[in-house]
Every structure is written in C-alpha cells, then in structure tokens.
Amino acid sequence: MKDGRRSGEDRSVLTDERAAVGDSPPRELISLADDEGNSVSVSVLGRSPRWTAGLDAEIVVKTPFVSGRIDLALYVARLENWADALDRLDAGEDVAWMERSSGPSLFIQLTGERGCPEVVVEDESGSMVTVRVPLVPPDDWIADHRRRLRQVMDHWVPMLSG
C-alpha cells in the first residue's frame, strides 16, 4: 500500500465511476425473475484489475431448490453480442449468449421444456454443471434489458481500453 491505497488503484477513476450515476454505477445487466422465487441475473462487479479491456461480472441463479454463482468476464464484444441476442429474442428466436467461449454460457428458450420461458446457465468448461430455470418474465422485459445494456455500456465501456 502506498499512501493508504492499494497498488494500482486509481482514485480518480473510482471517483468518476461514482459521480457518473450518483453513488451507484449500473450493475444489473440481466435481471430475470418471477413470483415463484426463480431468478437469473448477470451483475457487473467493476473493472477487472487483471485486464484493462474487461469487466468482472457474475451470473447468479436463485431458485427455491438450487442457488449458485459463477464468475464471468465481460468485454465490449460480449456486450454487443448481448444486444444482438436481445434483437433475436424480440423477433421470437431462442438465443445462446457466450456459447463456444471459455467460461459459462447463457441460453434463453422462449418456450422451454415446461411450456414457459427458460434460462439455462451452462458451465461446461469449469464445473460441468448446467442449471435450467423456468420463469415467466414481465411483458416488457426485452425493452427493460435494452435499457440496462445501454446504461452498462454508456457507463463502463468508456473506461475500458484495448
């Protein structure tokens, strides 16, 4: 520690992050939940200390039966791919987000095995666990997620390099 700061910490950036949206930068990129207690979310935790072009994030799954979380790296191309996935969902197509990459994948099936939408989180490269979460999102969920994505990109992307 130098001057009370961790090595590599840039206080001006931390101040900028807080000032941009009051005291809380946008964190929830994805937030899908129903009134049965099922939810899947993707939360931005902050800039990656290991990679200047990336964000640390996590996928969190909560159900009355199983709950868990897994780390996730986000970068501009992944955020742009999420925008494309939202467009396909809006057109009535199922999507796979982050498929064929290292780390977890997220699939949204508009009509899942139980006749309602399902979110599937798959961690083939790590734990080899797959979790299928049936849930019925609100009618405006795609527009809500476009707004979330725009807020995350507007706030976080200018801070990334590379």
C-alpha atoms as a PDB file:
ATOM      1  CA  MET A   1       0.000   0.000   0.000  1.00  0.00           C
ATOM      2  CA  LYS A   2       1.178   3.457  -0.872  1.00  0.00           C
ATOM      3  CA  ASP A   3      -0.427   6.497   0.670  1.00  0.00           C
ATOM      4  CA  GLY A   4      -3.238   4.321   2.038  1.00  0.00           C
ATOM      5  CA  ARG A   5      -4.074   2.969  -1.434  1.00  0.00           C
ATOM      6  CA  ARG A   6      -3.766  -0.484  -2.887  1.00  0.00           C
ATOM      7  CA  SER A   7      -1.163  -0.822  -5.599  1.00  0.00           C
ATOM      8  CA  GLY A   8      -2.623   0.082  -8.978  1.00  0.00           C
ATOM      9  CA  GLU A   9      -5.771   1.701  -7.625  1.00  0.00           C
ATOM     10  CA  ASP A  10      -6.682   4.904  -9.420  1.00  0.00           C
ATOM     11  CA  ARG A  11      -8.786   7.039  -7.100  1.00  0.00           C
ATOM     12  CA  SER A  12      -9.792   9.433  -9.906  1.00  0.00           C
ATOM     13  CA  VAL A  13     -11.368   6.553 -11.835  1.00  0.00           C
ATOM     14  CA  LEU A  14     -13.223   5.372  -8.723  1.00  0.00           C
ATOM     15  CA  THR A  15     -14.479   8.900  -8.191  1.00  0.00           C
ATOM     16  CA  ASP A  16     -15.554   9.141 -11.846  1.00  0.00           C
ATOM     17  CA  GLU A  17     -17.415   5.826 -11.589  1.00  0.00           C
ATOM     18  CA  ARG A  18     -19.386   7.044  -8.562  1.00  0.00           C
ATOM     19  CA  ALA A  19     -20.045  10.514  -9.983  1.00  0.00           C
ATOM     20  CA  ALA A  20     -21.378   9.228 -13.306  1.00  0.00           C
ATOM     21  CA  VAL A  21     -24.577   7.814 -11.808  1.00  0.00           C
ATOM     22  CA  GLY A  22     -24.829   9.272  -8.343  1.00  0.00           C
ATOM     23  CA  ASP A  23     -23.118   6.850  -5.990  1.00  0.00           C
ATOM     24  CA  SER A  24     -24.090   3.686  -7.838  1.00  0.00           C
ATOM     25  CA  PRO A  25     -22.900   2.770 -11.316  1.00  0.00           C
ATOM     26  CA  PRO A  26     -25.217   0.436 -13.267  1.00  0.00           C
ATOM     27  CA  ARG A  27     -24.638  -3.135 -12.105  1.00  0.00           C
ATOM     28  CA  GLU A  28     -27.538  -5.298 -13.312  1.00  0.00           C
ATOM     29  CA  LEU A  29     -27.066  -6.210 -16.957  1.00  0.00           C
ATOM     30  CA  ILE A  30     -29.577  -9.054 -16.781  1.00  0.00           C
ATOM     31  CA  SER A  31     -32.297  -9.481 -14.180  1.00  0.00           C
ATOM     32  CA  LEU A  32     -34.899 -12.130 -14.934  1.00  0.00           C
ATOM     33  CA  ALA A  33     -37.187 -13.189 -12.099  1.00  0.00           C
ATOM     34  CA  ASP A  34     -40.671 -14.466 -11.421  1.00  0.00           C
ATOM     35  CA  ASP A  35     -43.005 -14.568  -8.446  1.00  0.00           C
ATOM     36  CA  GLU A  36     -42.139 -18.244  -7.781  1.00  0.00           C
ATOM     37  CA  GLY A  37     -38.705 -17.291  -6.441  1.00  0.00           C
ATOM     38  CA  ASN A  38     -36.749 -18.163  -9.596  1.00  0.00           C
ATOM     39  CA  SER A  39     -34.193 -15.701 -10.913  1.00  0.00           C
ATOM     40  CA  VAL A  40     -31.130 -15.409 -13.104  1.00  0.00           C
ATOM     41  CA  SER A  41     -29.047 -12.260 -13.112  1.00  0.00           C
ATOM     42  CA  VAL A  42     -25.795 -11.005 -14.564  1.00  0.00           C
ATOM     43  CA  SER A  43     -24.200  -8.299 -12.460  1.00  0.00           C
ATOM     44  CA  VAL A  44     -21.223  -6.108 -13.307  1.00  0.00           C
ATOM     45  CA  LEU A  45     -18.889  -6.042 -10.315  1.00  0.00           C
ATOM     46  CA  GLY A  46     -16.476  -3.455 -11.718  1.00  0.00           C
ATOM     47  CA  ARG A  47     -13.422  -3.057 -13.892  1.00  0.00           C
ATOM     48  CA  SER A  48     -11.155  -6.055 -13.982  1.00  0.00           C
ATOM     49  CA  PRO A  49      -7.902  -5.442 -12.119  1.00  0.00           C
ATOM     50  CA  ARG A  50      -6.255  -8.105 -14.313  1.00  0.00           C
ATOM     51  CA  TRP A  51      -7.419  -6.899 -17.728  1.00  0.00           C
ATOM     52  CA  THR A  52      -7.901  -3.244 -18.720  1.00  0.00           C
ATOM     53  CA  ALA A  53     -10.343  -4.136 -21.526  1.00  0.00           C
ATOM     54  CA  GLY A  54     -12.640  -6.164 -19.301  1.00  0.00           C
ATOM     55  CA  LEU A  55     -15.193  -6.070 -16.543  1.00  0.00           C
ATOM     56  CA  ASP A  56     -15.551  -8.530 -13.703  1.00  0.00           C
ATOM     57  CA  ALA A  57     -19.105  -9.826 -13.506  1.00  0.00           C
ATOM     58  CA  GLU A  58     -21.057 -12.767 -12.155  1.00  0.00           C
ATOM     59  CA  ILE A  59     -24.038 -14.867 -13.083  1.00  0.00           C
ATOM     60  CA  VAL A  60     -26.290 -15.564 -10.103  1.00  0.00           C
ATOM     61  CA  VAL A  61     -29.002 -18.236 -10.148  1.00  0.00           C
ATOM     62  CA  LYS A  62     -31.571 -18.395  -7.338  1.00  0.00           C
ATOM     63  CA  THR A  63     -34.449 -20.844  -7.059  1.00  0.00           C
ATOM     64  CA  PRO A  64     -36.238 -22.427  -4.109  1.00  0.00           C
ATOM     65  CA  PHE A  65     -34.311 -25.610  -4.971  1.00  0.00           C
ATOM     66  CA  VAL A  66     -30.818 -24.526  -6.041  1.00  0.00           C
ATOM     67  CA  SER A  67     -28.744 -21.359  -5.913  1.00  0.00           C
ATOM     68  CA  GLY A  68     -25.300 -20.555  -7.189  1.00  0.00           C
ATOM     69  CA  ARG A  69     -22.996 -18.050  -8.799  1.00  0.00           C
ATOM     70  CA  ILE A  70     -20.154 -18.109 -11.262  1.00  0.00           C
ATOM     71  CA  ASP A  71     -17.585 -15.514 -12.254  1.00  0.00           C
ATOM     72  CA  LEU A  72     -17.796 -14.029 -15.696  1.00  0.00           C
ATOM     73  CA  ALA A  73     -15.567 -11.728 -17.755  1.00  0.00           C
ATOM     74  CA  LEU A  74     -17.371  -9.120 -19.829  1.00  0.00           C
ATOM     75  CA  TYR A  75     -15.870  -7.058 -22.600  1.00  0.00           C
ATOM     76  CA  VAL A  76     -17.245  -4.889 -25.397  1.00  0.00           C
ATOM     77  CA  ALA A  77     -17.807  -7.731 -27.898  1.00  0.00           C
ATOM     78  CA  ARG A  78     -19.783  -9.733 -25.329  1.00  0.00           C
ATOM     79  CA  LEU A  79     -21.964  -6.721 -24.570  1.00  0.00           C
ATOM     80  CA  GLU A  80     -22.546  -6.191 -28.296  1.00  0.00           C
ATOM     81  CA  ASN A  81     -23.422  -9.897 -28.619  1.00  0.00           C
ATOM     82  CA  TRP A  82     -25.993  -9.436 -25.838  1.00  0.00           C
ATOM     83  CA  ALA A  83     -27.543  -6.589 -27.885  1.00  0.00           C
ATOM     84  CA  ASP A  84     -27.793  -8.969 -30.864  1.00  0.00           C
ATOM     85  CA  ALA A  85     -29.317 -11.648 -28.617  1.00  0.00           C
ATOM     86  CA  LEU A  86     -31.984  -9.184 -27.430  1.00  0.00           C
ATOM     87  CA  ASP A  87     -32.849  -8.394 -31.053  1.00  0.00           C
ATOM     88  CA  ARG A  88     -33.256 -12.099 -31.822  1.00  0.00           C
ATOM     89  CA  LEU A  89     -35.379 -12.631 -28.694  1.00  0.00           C
ATOM     90  CA  ASP A  90     -37.573  -9.718 -29.766  1.00  0.00           C
ATOM     91  CA  ALA A  91     -38.006 -11.481 -33.137  1.00  0.00           C
ATOM     92  CA  GLY A  92     -39.208 -14.612 -31.301  1.00  0.00           C
ATOM     93  CA  GLU A  93     -35.981 -16.631 -31.533  1.00  0.00           C
ATOM     94  CA  ASP A  94     -34.240 -18.588 -28.778  1.00  0.00           C
ATOM     95  CA  VAL A  95     -30.685 -17.389 -28.085  1.00  0.00           C
ATOM     96  CA  ALA A  96     -27.350 -18.638 -26.894  1.00  0.00           C
ATOM     97  CA  TRP A  97     -25.128 -15.960 -25.353  1.00  0.00           C
ATOM     98  CA  MET A  98     -21.417 -16.617 -24.837  1.00  0.00           C
ATOM     99  CA  GLU A  99     -21.690 -20.096 -26.350  1.00  0.00           C
ATOM    100  CA  ARG A 100     -18.402 -21.507 -27.640  1.00  0.00           C
ATOM    101  CA  SER A 101     -16.318 -19.366 -25.324  1.00  0.00           C
ATOM    102  CA  SER A 102     -14.325 -20.152 -22.243  1.00  0.00           C
ATOM    103  CA  GLY A 103     -16.465 -19.744 -19.184  1.00  0.00           C
ATOM    104  CA  PRO A 104     -20.194 -20.026 -18.726  1.00  0.00           C
ATOM    105  CA  SER A 105     -22.872 -19.817 -21.411  1.00  0.00           C
ATOM    106  CA  LEU A 106     -26.399 -18.486 -21.054  1.00  0.00           C
ATOM    107  CA  PHE A 107     -29.302 -19.722 -23.165  1.00  0.00           C
ATOM    108  CA  ILE A 108     -32.806 -18.276 -23.240  1.00  0.00           C
ATOM    109  CA  GLN A 109     -35.514 -20.506 -24.637  1.00  0.00           C
ATOM    110  CA  LEU A 110     -38.792 -18.670 -25.142  1.00  0.00           C
ATOM    111  CA  THR A 111     -40.764 -21.921 -24.908  1.00  0.00           C
ATOM    112  CA  GLY A 112     -38.857 -24.298 -22.695  1.00  0.00           C
ATOM    113  CA  GLU A 113     -39.461 -27.880 -21.670  1.00  0.00           C
ATOM    114  CA  ARG A 114     -42.232 -26.836 -19.260  1.00  0.00           C
ATOM    115  CA  GLY A 115     -44.154 -24.680 -21.731  1.00  0.00           C
ATOM    116  CA  CYS A 116     -42.787 -21.390 -20.376  1.00  0.00           C
ATOM    117  CA  PRO A 117     -39.571 -19.450 -20.973  1.00  0.00           C
ATOM    118  CA  GLU A 118     -36.411 -20.972 -19.511  1.00  0.00           C
ATOM    119  CA  VAL A 119     -32.964 -19.642 -18.833  1.00  0.00           C
ATOM    120  CA  VAL A 120     -30.205 -22.237 -18.998  1.00  0.00           C
ATOM    121  CA  VAL A 121     -26.832 -21.483 -17.438  1.00  0.00           C
ATOM    122  CA  GLU A 122     -24.130 -23.894 -18.508  1.00  0.00           C
ATOM    123  CA  ASP A 123     -20.584 -24.153 -17.177  1.00  0.00           C
ATOM    124  CA  GLU A 124     -19.159 -26.863 -19.422  1.00  0.00           C
ATOM    125  CA  SER A 125     -15.562 -25.626 -19.236  1.00  0.00           C
ATOM    126  CA  GLY A 126     -15.432 -25.401 -15.442  1.00  0.00           C
ATOM    127  CA  SER A 127     -17.763 -27.265 -13.118  1.00  0.00           C
ATOM    128  CA  MET A 128     -19.558 -29.072 -15.984  1.00  0.00           C
ATOM    129  CA  VAL A 129     -22.879 -28.118 -14.330  1.00  0.00           C
ATOM    130  CA  THR A 130     -25.995 -26.991 -16.184  1.00  0.00           C
ATOM    131  CA  VAL A 131     -28.920 -25.294 -14.447  1.00  0.00           C
ATOM    132  CA  ARG A 132     -32.309 -24.852 -16.145  1.00  0.00           C
ATOM    133  CA  VAL A 133     -34.525 -22.156 -14.606  1.00  0.00           C
ATOM    134  CA  PRO A 134     -38.121 -21.864 -15.820  1.00  0.00           C
ATOM    135  CA  LEU A 135     -39.543 -18.382 -15.325  1.00  0.00           C
ATOM    136  CA  VAL A 136     -42.066 -16.048 -16.853  1.00  0.00           C
ATOM    137  CA  PRO A 137     -40.579 -12.561 -17.256  1.00  0.00           C
ATOM    138  CA  PRO A 138     -42.798  -9.459 -17.406  1.00  0.00           C
ATOM    139  CA  ASP A 139     -44.146  -8.369 -20.798  1.00  0.00           C
ATOM    140  CA  ASP A 140     -41.657  -5.504 -21.173  1.00  0.00           C
ATOM    141  CA  TRP A 141     -38.539  -7.480 -20.222  1.00  0.00           C
ATOM    142  CA  ILE A 142     -36.760  -7.086 -23.571  1.00  0.00           C
ATOM    143  CA  ALA A 143     -37.161  -3.289 -23.563  1.00  0.00           C
ATOM    144  CA  ASP A 144     -36.035  -3.261 -19.912  1.00  0.00           C
ATOM    145  CA  HIS A 145     -32.919  -5.262 -20.809  1.00  0.00           C
ATOM    146  CA  ARG A 146     -32.099  -2.979 -23.724  1.00  0.00           C
ATOM    147  CA  ARG A 147     -32.231  -0.074 -21.260  1.00  0.00           C
ATOM    148  CA  ARG A 148     -29.991  -1.979 -18.815  1.00  0.00           C
ATOM    149  CA  LEU A 149     -27.489  -2.768 -21.571  1.00  0.00           C
ATOM    150  CA  ARG A 150     -27.416   0.850 -22.736  1.00  0.00           C
ATOM    151  CA  GLN A 151     -26.744   2.051 -19.154  1.00  0.00           C
ATOM    152  CA  VAL A 152     -23.971  -0.507 -18.637  1.00  0.00           C
ATOM    153  CA  MET A 153     -22.329   0.336 -21.967  1.00  0.00           C
ATOM    154  CA  ASP A 154     -22.655   4.103 -21.512  1.00  0.00           C
ATOM    155  CA  HIS A 155     -21.079   3.921 -18.073  1.00  0.00           C
ATOM    156  CA  TRP A 156     -18.484   1.147 -18.262  1.00  0.00           C
ATOM    157  CA  VAL A 157     -17.264   0.930 -21.887  1.00  0.00           C
ATOM    158  CA  PRO A 158     -15.552   4.375 -21.943  1.00  0.00           C
ATOM    159  CA  MET A 159     -13.398   3.203 -19.015  1.00  0.00           C
ATOM    160  CA  LEU A 160     -12.116   0.143 -20.867  1.00  0.00           C
ATOM    161  CA  SER A 161      -9.022   0.150 -23.047  1.00  0.00           C
ATOM    162  CA  GLY A 162      -7.957  -2.225 -25.796  1.00  0.00           C
END
